[in-house]
PDB file of all heavy atoms in Angstrom:
ATOM      1  N   ASP A   1     -14.407   2.790   3.298  1.00  0.00           N
ATOM      2  CA  ASP A   1     -14.590   2.852   4.743  1.00  0.00           C
ATOM      3  C   ASP A   1     -13.463   2.159   5.508  1.00  0.00           C
ATOM      4  O   ASP A   1     -13.226   0.957   5.356  1.00  0.00           O
ATOM      5  CB  ASP A   1     -15.930   2.224   5.129  1.00  0.00           C
ATOM      6  CG  ASP A   1     -16.340   2.573   6.540  1.00  0.00           C
ATOM      7  OD1 ASP A   1     -15.980   3.671   7.011  1.00  0.00           O
ATOM      8  OD2 ASP A   1     -17.010   1.746   7.168  1.00  0.00           O
ATOM      9  N   GLY A   2     -12.734   2.949   6.299  1.00  0.00           N
ATOM     10  CA  GLY A   2     -11.680   2.420   7.151  1.00  0.00           C
ATOM     11  C   GLY A   2     -10.361   2.138   6.466  1.00  0.00           C
ATOM     12  O   GLY A   2      -9.380   1.789   7.129  1.00  0.00           O
ATOM     13  N   LEU A   3     -10.279   2.278   5.162  1.00  0.00           N
ATOM     14  CA  LEU A   3      -9.041   2.020   4.429  1.00  0.00           C
ATOM     15  C   LEU A   3      -8.047   3.142   4.729  1.00  0.00           C
ATOM     16  O   LEU A   3      -8.373   4.319   4.639  1.00  0.00           O
ATOM     17  CB  LEU A   3      -9.331   1.952   2.928  1.00  0.00           C
ATOM     18  CG  LEU A   3      -8.231   1.397   2.053  1.00  0.00           C
ATOM     19  CD1 LEU A   3      -8.058  -0.100   2.315  1.00  0.00           C
ATOM     20  CD2 LEU A   3      -8.588   1.613   0.596  1.00  0.00           C
ATOM     21  N   ARG A   4      -6.830   2.758   5.080  1.00  0.00           N
ATOM     22  CA  ARG A   4      -5.794   3.754   5.384  1.00  0.00           C
ATOM     23  C   ARG A   4      -5.030   4.079   4.100  1.00  0.00           C
ATOM     24  O   ARG A   4      -4.379   3.201   3.534  1.00  0.00           O
ATOM     25  CB  ARG A   4      -4.864   3.200   6.451  1.00  0.00           C
ATOM     26  CG  ARG A   4      -5.577   3.016   7.778  1.00  0.00           C
ATOM     27  CD  ARG A   4      -4.819   2.110   8.702  1.00  0.00           C
ATOM     28  NE  ARG A   4      -3.565   2.656   9.153  1.00  0.00           N
ATOM     29  CZ  ARG A   4      -3.339   3.146  10.368  1.00  0.00           C
ATOM     30  NH1 ARG A   4      -4.291   3.140  11.252  1.00  0.00           N
ATOM     31  NH2 ARG A   4      -2.164   3.616  10.687  1.00  0.00           N
ATOM     32  N   VAL A   5      -5.129   5.340   3.670  1.00  0.00           N
ATOM     33  CA  VAL A   5      -4.514   5.769   2.416  1.00  0.00           C
ATOM     34  C   VAL A   5      -3.483   6.855   2.704  1.00  0.00           C
ATOM     35  O   VAL A   5      -3.799   7.888   3.294  1.00  0.00           O
ATOM     36  CB  VAL A   5      -5.573   6.310   1.426  1.00  0.00           C
ATOM     37  CG1 VAL A   5      -4.909   6.735   0.112  1.00  0.00           C
ATOM     38  CG2 VAL A   5      -6.666   5.273   1.168  1.00  0.00           C
ATOM     39  N   LEU A   6      -2.259   6.613   2.266  1.00  0.00           N
ATOM     40  CA  LEU A   6      -1.187   7.601   2.366  1.00  0.00           C
ATOM     41  C   LEU A   6      -1.065   8.305   1.024  1.00  0.00           C
ATOM     42  O   LEU A   6      -0.888   7.649  -0.005  1.00  0.00           O
ATOM     43  CB  LEU A   6       0.138   6.923   2.724  1.00  0.00           C
ATOM     44  CG  LEU A   6       1.369   7.826   2.751  1.00  0.00           C
ATOM     45  CD1 LEU A   6       1.227   8.934   3.797  1.00  0.00           C
ATOM     46  CD2 LEU A   6       2.626   7.004   3.004  1.00  0.00           C
ATOM     47  N   VAL A   7      -1.173   9.632   1.041  1.00  0.00           N
ATOM     48  CA  VAL A   7      -1.073  10.439  -0.174  1.00  0.00           C
ATOM     49  C   VAL A   7       0.207  11.260  -0.107  1.00  0.00           C
ATOM     50  O   VAL A   7       0.444  11.985   0.861  1.00  0.00           O
ATOM     51  CB  VAL A   7      -2.285  11.393  -0.315  1.00  0.00           C
ATOM     52  CG1 VAL A   7      -2.104  12.329  -1.503  1.00  0.00           C
ATOM     53  CG2 VAL A   7      -3.577  10.600  -0.432  1.00  0.00           C
ATOM     54  N   ILE A   8       1.027  11.148  -1.156  1.00  0.00           N
ATOM     55  CA  ILE A   8       2.253  11.930  -1.257  1.00  0.00           C
ATOM     56  C   ILE A   8       2.140  12.824  -2.491  1.00  0.00           C
ATOM     57  O   ILE A   8       1.984  12.332  -3.610  1.00  0.00           O
ATOM     58  CB  ILE A   8       3.499  11.028  -1.397  1.00  0.00           C
ATOM     59  CG1 ILE A   8       3.594  10.050  -0.234  1.00  0.00           C
ATOM     60  CG2 ILE A   8       4.763  11.887  -1.508  1.00  0.00           C
ATOM     61  CD1 ILE A   8       4.677   9.012  -0.386  1.00  0.00           C
ATOM     62  N   ASP A   9       2.194  14.120  -2.251  1.00  0.00           N
ATOM     63  CA  ASP A   9       2.156  15.076  -3.366  1.00  0.00           C
ATOM     64  C   ASP A   9       2.828  16.351  -2.905  1.00  0.00           C
ATOM     65  O   ASP A   9       2.519  16.860  -1.822  1.00  0.00           O
ATOM     66  CB  ASP A   9       0.719  15.352  -3.806  1.00  0.00           C
ATOM     67  CG  ASP A   9       0.646  15.963  -5.198  1.00  0.00           C
ATOM     68  OD1 ASP A   9       1.428  16.902  -5.480  1.00  0.00           O
ATOM     69  OD2 ASP A   9      -0.174  15.500  -6.000  1.00  0.00           O
ATOM     70  N   HIS A  10       3.744  16.875  -3.704  1.00  0.00           N
ATOM     71  CA  HIS A  10       4.459  18.094  -3.332  1.00  0.00           C
ATOM     72  C   HIS A  10       3.556  19.330  -3.397  1.00  0.00           C
ATOM     73  O   HIS A  10       3.815  20.318  -2.739  1.00  0.00           O
ATOM     74  CB  HIS A  10       5.695  18.294  -4.222  1.00  0.00           C
ATOM     75  CG  HIS A  10       5.345  18.632  -5.633  1.00  0.00           C
ATOM     76  ND1 HIS A  10       4.951  17.673  -6.537  1.00  0.00           N
ATOM     77  CD2 HIS A  10       5.296  19.819  -6.282  1.00  0.00           C
ATOM     78  CE1 HIS A  10       4.686  18.260  -7.691  1.00  0.00           C
ATOM     79  NE2 HIS A  10       4.879  19.552  -7.564  1.00  0.00           N
ATOM     80  N   ASP A  11       2.474  19.246  -4.155  1.00  0.00           N
ATOM     81  CA  ASP A  11       1.567  20.371  -4.334  1.00  0.00           C
ATOM     82  C   ASP A  11       0.511  20.380  -3.223  1.00  0.00           C
ATOM     83  O   ASP A  11      -0.295  19.450  -3.123  1.00  0.00           O
ATOM     84  CB  ASP A  11       0.907  20.270  -5.705  1.00  0.00           C
ATOM     85  CG  ASP A  11      -0.006  21.443  -5.976  1.00  0.00           C
ATOM     86  OD1 ASP A  11      -1.187  21.367  -5.591  1.00  0.00           O
ATOM     87  OD2 ASP A  11       0.461  22.436  -6.568  1.00  0.00           O
ATOM     88  N   THR A  12       0.494  21.436  -2.428  1.00  0.00           N
ATOM     89  CA  THR A  12      -0.417  21.528  -1.282  1.00  0.00           C
ATOM     90  C   THR A  12      -1.879  21.425  -1.699  1.00  0.00           C
ATOM     91  O   THR A  12      -2.654  20.693  -1.078  1.00  0.00           O
ATOM     92  CB  THR A  12      -0.184  22.858  -0.522  1.00  0.00           C
ATOM     93  OG1 THR A  12       1.181  22.926  -0.129  1.00  0.00           O
ATOM     94  CG2 THR A  12      -1.064  22.953   0.707  1.00  0.00           C
ATOM     95  N   GLU A  13      -2.268  22.145  -2.738  1.00  0.00           N
ATOM     96  CA  GLU A  13      -3.667  22.111  -3.181  1.00  0.00           C
ATOM     97  C   GLU A  13      -4.073  20.725  -3.666  1.00  0.00           C
ATOM     98  O   GLU A  13      -5.159  20.245  -3.356  1.00  0.00           O
ATOM     99  CB  GLU A  13      -3.903  23.152  -4.271  1.00  0.00           C
ATOM    100  CG  GLU A  13      -3.895  24.572  -3.751  1.00  0.00           C
ATOM    101  CD  GLU A  13      -4.143  25.586  -4.856  1.00  0.00           C
ATOM    102  OE1 GLU A  13      -4.744  25.243  -5.896  1.00  0.00           O
ATOM    103  OE2 GLU A  13      -3.735  26.741  -4.669  1.00  0.00           O
ATOM    104  N   ALA A  14      -3.211  20.077  -4.412  1.00  0.00           N
ATOM    105  CA  ALA A  14      -3.509  18.725  -4.905  1.00  0.00           C
ATOM    106  C   ALA A  14      -3.642  17.750  -3.741  1.00  0.00           C
ATOM    107  O   ALA A  14      -4.538  16.906  -3.723  1.00  0.00           O
ATOM    108  CB  ALA A  14      -2.419  18.258  -5.867  1.00  0.00           C
ATOM    109  N   ARG A  15      -2.741  17.879  -2.762  1.00  0.00           N
ATOM    110  CA  ARG A  15      -2.786  17.019  -1.579  1.00  0.00           C
ATOM    111  C   ARG A  15      -4.108  17.178  -0.835  1.00  0.00           C
ATOM    112  O   ARG A  15      -4.741  16.206  -0.447  1.00  0.00           O
ATOM    113  CB  ARG A  15      -1.635  17.400  -0.630  1.00  0.00           C
ATOM    114  CG  ARG A  15      -0.683  16.331  -0.347  1.00  0.00           C
ATOM    115  CD  ARG A  15       0.409  16.640   0.654  1.00  0.00           C
ATOM    116  NE  ARG A  15       0.457  17.908   1.316  1.00  0.00           N
ATOM    117  CZ  ARG A  15       1.278  18.905   1.006  1.00  0.00           C
ATOM    118  NH1 ARG A  15       2.124  18.791   0.008  1.00  0.00           N
ATOM    119  NH2 ARG A  15       1.269  20.014   1.700  1.00  0.00           N
ATOM    120  N   GLU A  16      -4.519  18.412  -0.640  1.00  0.00           N
ATOM    121  CA  GLU A  16      -5.760  18.676   0.097  1.00  0.00           C
ATOM    122  C   GLU A  16      -6.988  18.215  -0.682  1.00  0.00           C
ATOM    123  O   GLU A  16      -7.946  17.717  -0.094  1.00  0.00           O
ATOM    124  CB  GLU A  16      -5.863  20.155   0.470  1.00  0.00           C
ATOM    125  CG  GLU A  16      -4.934  20.534   1.601  1.00  0.00           C
ATOM    126  CD  GLU A  16      -5.095  19.625   2.822  1.00  0.00           C
ATOM    127  OE1 GLU A  16      -6.222  19.466   3.324  1.00  0.00           O
ATOM    128  OE2 GLU A  16      -4.070  19.065   3.267  1.00  0.00           O
ATOM    129  N   LEU A  17      -6.955  18.362  -1.988  1.00  0.00           N
ATOM    130  CA  LEU A  17      -8.073  17.892  -2.815  1.00  0.00           C
ATOM    131  C   LEU A  17      -8.197  16.370  -2.701  1.00  0.00           C
ATOM    132  O   LEU A  17      -9.294  15.838  -2.484  1.00  0.00           O
ATOM    133  CB  LEU A  17      -7.888  18.298  -4.275  1.00  0.00           C
ATOM    134  CG  LEU A  17      -8.948  17.795  -5.242  1.00  0.00           C
ATOM    135  CD1 LEU A  17     -10.325  18.346  -4.869  1.00  0.00           C
ATOM    136  CD2 LEU A  17      -8.587  18.151  -6.663  1.00  0.00           C
ATOM    137  N   LEU A  18      -7.088  15.666  -2.837  1.00  0.00           N
ATOM    138  CA  LEU A  18      -7.101  14.212  -2.706  1.00  0.00           C
ATOM    139  C   LEU A  18      -7.573  13.795  -1.314  1.00  0.00           C
ATOM    140  O   LEU A  18      -8.381  12.878  -1.163  1.00  0.00           O
ATOM    141  CB  LEU A  18      -5.714  13.633  -2.990  1.00  0.00           C
ATOM    142  CG  LEU A  18      -5.252  13.690  -4.441  1.00  0.00           C
ATOM    143  CD1 LEU A  18      -3.775  13.356  -4.542  1.00  0.00           C
ATOM    144  CD2 LEU A  18      -6.078  12.767  -5.310  1.00  0.00           C
ATOM    145  N   ARG A  19      -7.089  14.492  -0.314  1.00  0.00           N
ATOM    146  CA  ARG A  19      -7.487  14.195   1.065  1.00  0.00           C
ATOM    147  C   ARG A  19      -8.993  14.340   1.235  1.00  0.00           C
ATOM    148  O   ARG A  19      -9.663  13.456   1.786  1.00  0.00           O
ATOM    149  CB  ARG A  19      -6.753  15.135   2.023  1.00  0.00           C
ATOM    150  CG  ARG A  19      -7.059  14.907   3.476  1.00  0.00           C
ATOM    151  CD  ARG A  19      -6.254  15.907   4.337  1.00  0.00           C
ATOM    152  NE  ARG A  19      -6.452  15.668   5.732  1.00  0.00           N
ATOM    153  CZ  ARG A  19      -7.522  16.048   6.422  1.00  0.00           C
ATOM    154  NH1 ARG A  19      -8.481  16.696   5.816  1.00  0.00           N
ATOM    155  NH2 ARG A  19      -7.624  15.786   7.708  1.00  0.00           N
ATOM    156  N   THR A  20      -9.546  15.440   0.758  1.00  0.00           N
ATOM    157  CA  THR A  20     -10.981  15.698   0.883  1.00  0.00           C
ATOM    158  C   THR A  20     -11.806  14.636   0.172  1.00  0.00           C
ATOM    159  O   THR A  20     -12.763  14.094   0.730  1.00  0.00           O
ATOM    160  CB  THR A  20     -11.323  17.100   0.320  1.00  0.00           C
ATOM    161  OG1 THR A  20     -10.594  18.077   1.079  1.00  0.00           O
ATOM    162  CG2 THR A  20     -12.808  17.387   0.404  1.00  0.00           C
ATOM    163  N   VAL A  21     -11.430  14.310  -1.061  1.00  0.00           N
ATOM    164  CA  VAL A  21     -12.158  13.304  -1.841  1.00  0.00           C
ATOM    165  C   VAL A  21     -12.148  11.962  -1.124  1.00  0.00           C
ATOM    166  O   VAL A  21     -13.181  11.302  -0.995  1.00  0.00           O
ATOM    167  CB  VAL A  21     -11.549  13.162  -3.265  1.00  0.00           C
ATOM    168  CG1 VAL A  21     -12.043  11.909  -3.956  1.00  0.00           C
ATOM    169  CG2 VAL A  21     -11.856  14.401  -4.092  1.00  0.00           C
ATOM    170  N   LEU A  22     -10.993  11.558  -0.637  1.00  0.00           N
ATOM    171  CA  LEU A  22     -10.875  10.243   0.004  1.00  0.00           C
ATOM    172  C   LEU A  22     -11.580  10.207   1.365  1.00  0.00           C
ATOM    173  O   LEU A  22     -12.192   9.200   1.718  1.00  0.00           O
ATOM    174  CB  LEU A  22      -9.408   9.852   0.128  1.00  0.00           C
ATOM    175  CG  LEU A  22      -8.693   9.663  -1.212  1.00  0.00           C
ATOM    176  CD1 LEU A  22      -7.206   9.452  -1.007  1.00  0.00           C
ATOM    177  CD2 LEU A  22      -9.307   8.531  -2.013  1.00  0.00           C
ATOM    178  N   LEU A  23     -11.518  11.294   2.111  1.00  0.00           N
ATOM    179  CA  LEU A  23     -12.242  11.361   3.380  1.00  0.00           C
ATOM    180  C   LEU A  23     -13.749  11.252   3.159  1.00  0.00           C
ATOM    181  O   LEU A  23     -14.447  10.575   3.917  1.00  0.00           O
ATOM    182  CB  LEU A  23     -11.924  12.665   4.117  1.00  0.00           C
ATOM    183  CG  LEU A  23     -10.577  12.745   4.816  1.00  0.00           C
ATOM    184  CD1 LEU A  23     -10.332  14.152   5.346  1.00  0.00           C
ATOM    185  CD2 LEU A  23     -10.481  11.730   5.946  1.00  0.00           C
ATOM    186  N   GLN A  24     -14.235  11.913   2.114  1.00  0.00           N
ATOM    187  CA  GLN A  24     -15.670  11.868   1.809  1.00  0.00           C
ATOM    188  C   GLN A  24     -16.131  10.457   1.463  1.00  0.00           C
ATOM    189  O   GLN A  24     -17.303  10.148   1.574  1.00  0.00           O
ATOM    190  CB  GLN A  24     -16.003  12.810   0.651  1.00  0.00           C
ATOM    191  CG  GLN A  24     -15.930  14.263   1.022  1.00  0.00           C
ATOM    192  CD  GLN A  24     -16.111  15.184  -0.176  1.00  0.00           C
ATOM    193  OE1 GLN A  24     -16.016  14.775  -1.334  1.00  0.00           O
ATOM    194  NE2 GLN A  24     -16.346  16.451   0.104  1.00  0.00           N
ATOM    195  N   ARG A  25     -15.214   9.618   1.057  1.00  0.00           N
ATOM    196  CA  ARG A  25     -15.561   8.240   0.698  1.00  0.00           C
ATOM    197  C   ARG A  25     -15.213   7.251   1.801  1.00  0.00           C
ATOM    198  O   ARG A  25     -15.180   6.054   1.593  1.00  0.00           O
ATOM    199  CB  ARG A  25     -14.905   7.862  -0.611  1.00  0.00           C
ATOM    200  CG  ARG A  25     -15.743   8.422  -1.770  1.00  0.00           C
ATOM    201  CD  ARG A  25     -14.892   8.941  -2.875  1.00  0.00           C
ATOM    202  NE  ARG A  25     -15.696   9.442  -3.979  1.00  0.00           N
ATOM    203  CZ  ARG A  25     -15.950  10.728  -4.154  1.00  0.00           C
ATOM    204  NH1 ARG A  25     -15.537  11.624  -3.290  1.00  0.00           N
ATOM    205  NH2 ARG A  25     -16.633  11.132  -5.208  1.00  0.00           N
ATOM    206  N   GLY A  26     -14.909   7.769   2.992  1.00  0.00           N
ATOM    207  CA  GLY A  26     -14.741   6.923   4.158  1.00  0.00           C
ATOM    208  C   GLY A  26     -13.324   6.499   4.493  1.00  0.00           C
ATOM    209  O   GLY A  26     -13.112   5.782   5.469  1.00  0.00           O
ATOM    210  N   ALA A  27     -12.343   6.919   3.701  1.00  0.00           N
ATOM    211  CA  ALA A  27     -10.956   6.512   3.961  1.00  0.00           C
ATOM    212  C   ALA A  27     -10.387   7.279   5.151  1.00  0.00           C
ATOM    213  O   ALA A  27     -10.798   8.400   5.449  1.00  0.00           O
ATOM    214  CB  ALA A  27     -10.094   6.756   2.734  1.00  0.00           C
ATOM    215  N   ASP A  28      -9.419   6.664   5.802  1.00  0.00           N
ATOM    216  CA  ASP A  28      -8.602   7.313   6.812  1.00  0.00           C
ATOM    217  C   ASP A  28      -7.371   7.775   6.039  1.00  0.00           C
ATOM    218  O   ASP A  28      -6.639   6.937   5.487  1.00  0.00           O
ATOM    219  CB  ASP A  28      -8.253   6.295   7.901  1.00  0.00           C
ATOM    220  CG  ASP A  28      -7.494   6.901   9.061  1.00  0.00           C
ATOM    221  OD1 ASP A  28      -7.321   8.139   9.100  1.00  0.00           O
ATOM    222  OD2 ASP A  28      -7.061   6.128   9.923  1.00  0.00           O
ATOM    223  N   VAL A  29      -7.150   9.082   5.957  1.00  0.00           N
ATOM    224  CA  VAL A  29      -6.139   9.627   5.046  1.00  0.00           C
ATOM    225  C   VAL A  29      -5.051  10.376   5.800  1.00  0.00           C
ATOM    226  O   VAL A  29      -5.333  11.151   6.712  1.00  0.00           O
ATOM    227  CB  VAL A  29      -6.789  10.604   4.030  1.00  0.00           C
ATOM    228  CG1 VAL A  29      -5.756  11.131   3.051  1.00  0.00           C
ATOM    229  CG2 VAL A  29      -7.943   9.944   3.301  1.00  0.00           C
ATOM    230  N   ARG A  30      -3.833  10.135   5.379  1.00  0.00           N
ATOM    231  CA  ARG A  30      -2.700  10.921   5.860  1.00  0.00           C
ATOM    232  C   ARG A  30      -2.002  11.460   4.617  1.00  0.00           C
ATOM    233  O   ARG A  30      -1.768  10.704   3.666  1.00  0.00           O
ATOM    234  CB  ARG A  30      -1.751  10.051   6.668  1.00  0.00           C
ATOM    235  CG  ARG A  30      -0.633  10.855   7.301  1.00  0.00           C
ATOM    236  CD  ARG A  30       0.113  10.061   8.315  1.00  0.00           C
ATOM    237  NE  ARG A  30      -0.709   9.888   9.515  1.00  0.00           N
ATOM    238  CZ  ARG A  30      -0.289   9.303  10.618  1.00  0.00           C
ATOM    239  NH1 ARG A  30       0.930   8.815  10.687  1.00  0.00           N
ATOM    240  NH2 ARG A  30      -1.078   9.182  11.667  1.00  0.00           N
ATOM    241  N   THR A  31      -1.676  12.749   4.619  1.00  0.00           N
ATOM    242  CA  THR A  31      -0.998  13.361   3.473  1.00  0.00           C
ATOM    243  C   THR A  31       0.372  13.875   3.899  1.00  0.00           C
ATOM    244  O   THR A  31       0.543  14.351   5.024  1.00  0.00           O
ATOM    245  CB  THR A  31      -1.814  14.531   2.880  1.00  0.00           C
ATOM    246  OG1 THR A  31      -1.958  15.557   3.865  1.00  0.00           O
ATOM    247  CG2 THR A  31      -3.181  14.076   2.413  1.00  0.00           C
ATOM    248  N   VAL A  32       1.322  13.756   2.982  1.00  0.00           N
ATOM    249  CA  VAL A  32       2.675  14.261   3.222  1.00  0.00           C
ATOM    250  C   VAL A  32       3.188  14.893   1.931  1.00  0.00           C
ATOM    251  O   VAL A  32       2.779  14.510   0.836  1.00  0.00           O
ATOM    252  CB  VAL A  32       3.635  13.140   3.705  1.00  0.00           C
ATOM    253  CG1 VAL A  32       3.213  12.611   5.063  1.00  0.00           C
ATOM    254  CG2 VAL A  32       3.727  12.024   2.698  1.00  0.00           C
ATOM    255  N   PRO A  33       4.112  15.859   2.061  1.00  0.00           N
ATOM    256  CA  PRO A  33       4.586  16.581   0.877  1.00  0.00           C
ATOM    257  C   PRO A  33       5.794  15.981   0.170  1.00  0.00           C
ATOM    258  O   PRO A  33       6.155  16.433  -0.910  1.00  0.00           O
ATOM    259  CB  PRO A  33       4.947  17.954   1.441  1.00  0.00           C
ATOM    260  CG  PRO A  33       5.375  17.661   2.848  1.00  0.00           C
ATOM    261  CD  PRO A  33       4.515  16.511   3.297  1.00  0.00           C
ATOM    262  N   SER A  34       6.439  14.965   0.763  1.00  0.00           N
ATOM    263  CA  SER A  34       7.681  14.484   0.155  1.00  0.00           C
ATOM    264  C   SER A  34       7.831  12.974   0.278  1.00  0.00           C
ATOM    265  O   SER A  34       7.190  12.337   1.117  1.00  0.00           O
ATOM    266  CB  SER A  34       8.883  15.159   0.830  1.00  0.00           C
ATOM    267  OG  SER A  34       9.033  14.673   2.148  1.00  0.00           O
ATOM    268  N   VAL A  35       8.702  12.446  -0.541  1.00  0.00           N
ATOM    269  CA  VAL A  35       9.020  11.018  -0.506  1.00  0.00           C
ATOM    270  C   VAL A  35       9.608  10.643   0.851  1.00  0.00           C
ATOM    271  O   VAL A  35       9.249   9.617   1.435  1.00  0.00           O
ATOM    272  CB  VAL A  35       9.982  10.651  -1.662  1.00  0.00           C
ATOM    273  CG1 VAL A  35      10.548   9.263  -1.486  1.00  0.00           C
ATOM    274  CG2 VAL A  35       9.264  10.779  -2.999  1.00  0.00           C
TER     275      VAL A  35
END
C-alpha cells in the first residue's frame, strides 16, 4: 500500500503483467520500457 515501484522491462506484456500484479497489491506503479 502506497509503495512507489518503478518497473523497467523492454517486453510490453511483461511490463503490464508486473504493473497489474503490483497495483492489485496496493503499490503505486510506473512502468518504462528502457534503462
